[in-house]
Protein backbone atom coordinates (compact mmCIF):
# COMPACT_ATOMS: atom_id res chain seq x y z
CA MET A 1 183.15 27.02 65.93
CA ASN A 2 186.16 28.21 63.98
CA ALA A 3 187.09 31.35 62.06
CA VAL A 4 189.91 32.37 59.75
CA ASP A 5 191.67 35.69 59.46
CA THR A 6 192.05 37.54 56.18
CA ASN A 7 195.59 36.27 55.59
CA VAL A 8 194.40 32.66 55.47
CA LEU A 9 191.80 33.45 52.81
CA VAL A 10 194.33 35.40 50.73
CA TYR A 11 196.89 32.58 50.85
CA VAL A 12 194.35 30.17 49.35
CA HIS A 13 194.85 31.99 46.03
CA ASP A 14 198.43 33.28 46.35
CA PRO A 15 200.78 31.15 44.22
CA ARG A 16 203.88 32.99 45.48
CA TYR A 17 203.79 30.88 48.65
CA PRO A 18 202.88 27.31 47.60
CA ASP A 19 203.32 25.80 51.08
CA LYS A 20 201.10 28.43 52.67
CA GLN A 21 198.66 28.14 49.79
CA ALA A 22 198.29 24.40 50.35
CA MET A 23 197.90 24.79 54.11
CA ALA A 24 195.39 27.64 53.77
CA HIS A 25 193.35 25.61 51.29
CA ALA A 26 193.38 22.62 53.67
CA VAL A 27 192.22 24.76 56.60
CA VAL A 28 189.45 26.56 54.71
CA SER A 29 188.13 23.42 53.02
CA SER A 30 188.09 21.43 56.28
CA LEU A 31 186.02 23.87 58.34
CA THR A 32 182.43 22.74 58.46
CA ASP A 33 181.55 24.90 61.44
CA GLY A 34 183.09 28.12 60.14
CA ILE A 35 182.17 31.65 61.02
CA LEU A 36 182.82 34.31 58.39
CA LEU A 37 183.49 37.59 60.14
CA TRP A 38 182.19 40.66 58.30
CA GLN A 39 185.50 42.46 58.80
CA VAL A 40 187.46 39.53 57.37
CA ALA A 41 185.16 39.34 54.34
CA CYS A 42 185.64 43.06 53.64
CA GLU A 43 189.40 42.95 54.19
CA TYR A 44 189.63 39.93 51.89
CA LEU A 45 187.76 41.70 49.11
CA SER A 46 190.20 44.60 49.42
CA ALA A 47 193.39 42.53 49.83
CA SER A 48 192.56 40.21 46.94
CA ARG A 49 193.36 43.07 44.55
CA LYS A 50 197.01 42.09 45.04
CA LEU A 51 196.22 38.75 43.40
CA SER A 52 195.02 40.26 40.12
CA GLN A 53 198.50 39.79 38.64
CA PHE A 54 197.88 36.03 38.99
CA GLY A 55 194.52 36.13 37.20
CA PHE A 56 192.44 36.35 40.37
CA ASP A 57 190.08 39.32 40.14
CA ARG A 58 187.33 40.88 42.21
CA THR A 59 184.65 38.65 40.69
CA ASP A 60 186.65 35.64 41.89
CA ALA A 61 186.93 37.17 45.37
CA LEU A 62 183.20 37.90 45.48
CA ALA A 63 182.46 34.34 44.35
CA ASP A 64 184.69 33.05 47.18
CA ILE A 65 182.82 35.09 49.77
CA ARG A 66 179.46 33.96 48.41
CA GLY A 67 180.66 30.35 48.53
CA LEU A 68 181.79 30.70 52.12
CA MET A 69 178.46 32.28 53.04
CA ARG A 70 176.69 29.17 51.78
CA SER A 71 178.58 26.90 54.16
CA TRP A 72 179.66 29.21 56.99
CA ARG A 73 177.64 31.58 59.14
CA LEU A 74 178.21 35.27 58.42
CA GLU A 75 178.73 37.33 61.57
CA LEU A 76 177.74 40.96 61.13
CA PRO A 77 179.18 43.71 63.35
CA HIS A 78 177.42 44.94 66.49
CA TRP A 79 178.37 47.88 68.67
CA SER A 80 178.99 45.50 71.58
CA ILE A 81 181.91 44.05 69.58
CA THR A 82 183.52 47.49 69.59
CA GLU A 83 183.21 47.61 73.37
CA ILE A 84 184.82 44.17 73.71
CA ALA A 85 187.56 45.30 71.31
CA GLU A 86 188.20 48.38 73.41
CA ASN A 87 188.80 46.16 76.43
CA LEU A 88 191.12 43.84 74.46
CA TRP A 89 192.97 46.79 72.97
CA GLY A 90 193.78 47.95 76.48
CA ARG A 91 194.83 44.51 77.76
CA TYR A 92 196.90 43.30 74.81
CA SER A 93 199.21 45.03 72.37
CA LEU A 94 196.93 44.44 69.39
CA SER A 95 195.95 46.96 66.76
CA PHE A 96 192.38 48.21 66.95
CA TRP A 97 191.41 46.17 63.87
CA ASP A 98 192.99 42.99 65.24
CA SER A 99 191.13 43.63 68.50
CA MET A 100 187.90 43.86 66.49
CA ILE A 101 188.52 40.45 64.90
CA VAL A 102 189.24 38.83 68.26
CA ALA A 103 186.24 40.61 69.82
CA ALA A 104 183.93 39.38 67.06
CA CYS A 105 185.17 35.83 67.64
CA LEU A 106 184.60 36.08 71.38
CA HIS A 107 181.18 37.67 70.88
CA VAL A 108 179.83 34.71 68.89
CA GLY A 109 181.65 31.95 70.74
CA VAL A 110 184.34 31.07 68.20
CA GLU A 111 186.72 28.61 69.86
CA ARG A 112 189.60 28.76 67.37
CA LEU A 113 190.91 31.50 65.07
CA TYR A 114 193.33 30.53 62.30
CA THR A 115 195.76 33.34 61.53
CA GLU A 116 199.44 34.02 61.03
CA ASP A 117 199.05 37.10 63.23
CA PHE A 118 198.89 37.27 67.04
CA SER A 119 201.85 34.90 67.48
CA ALA A 120 202.52 36.43 70.90
CA TYR A 121 199.11 35.26 72.08
CA PRO A 122 198.23 31.57 71.65
CA GLN A 123 195.11 32.21 73.74
CA ILE A 124 193.05 35.37 74.25
CA ASP A 125 190.38 34.78 76.85
CA SER A 126 188.46 31.71 75.59
CA LEU A 127 189.77 32.03 72.01
CA GLU A 128 192.57 29.74 70.86
CA ILE A 129 194.83 31.35 68.26
CA VAL A 130 196.32 28.87 65.76
CA ASN A 131 198.96 29.72 63.18
CA PRO A 132 198.44 27.07 60.49
CA PHE A 133 201.72 28.09 58.84
CA ALA A 134 203.96 27.67 61.90
CA GLU A 135 206.61 25.01 61.57
């Protein structure tokens, strides 16, 4: 199973970075075994406001999330994820929210997380971290 971080979803619709936009689109459209993390969905809905200047509004963002929910499994938060995040937060120099994303991935058995963050950690426990934008 694979998951994407918020930044990957945002880049799909961000014309300011055409190379990243193309790569993000390729990653998102190729994942048939995707997991949509609740936190990522919420962050995406919030972050997509920055794209309104390019004609991408909240109805577009909501339509994206609904589309992903039809083909990917939505992972809702559980308190046990917070406990895993607390452990990760202590072991790695991640923010609490980044720890929550990694913890959610580990909780459901995601093997690979696509993100431009976490470059210092190509692997966190059983989770492979892949930066699709790295050259």
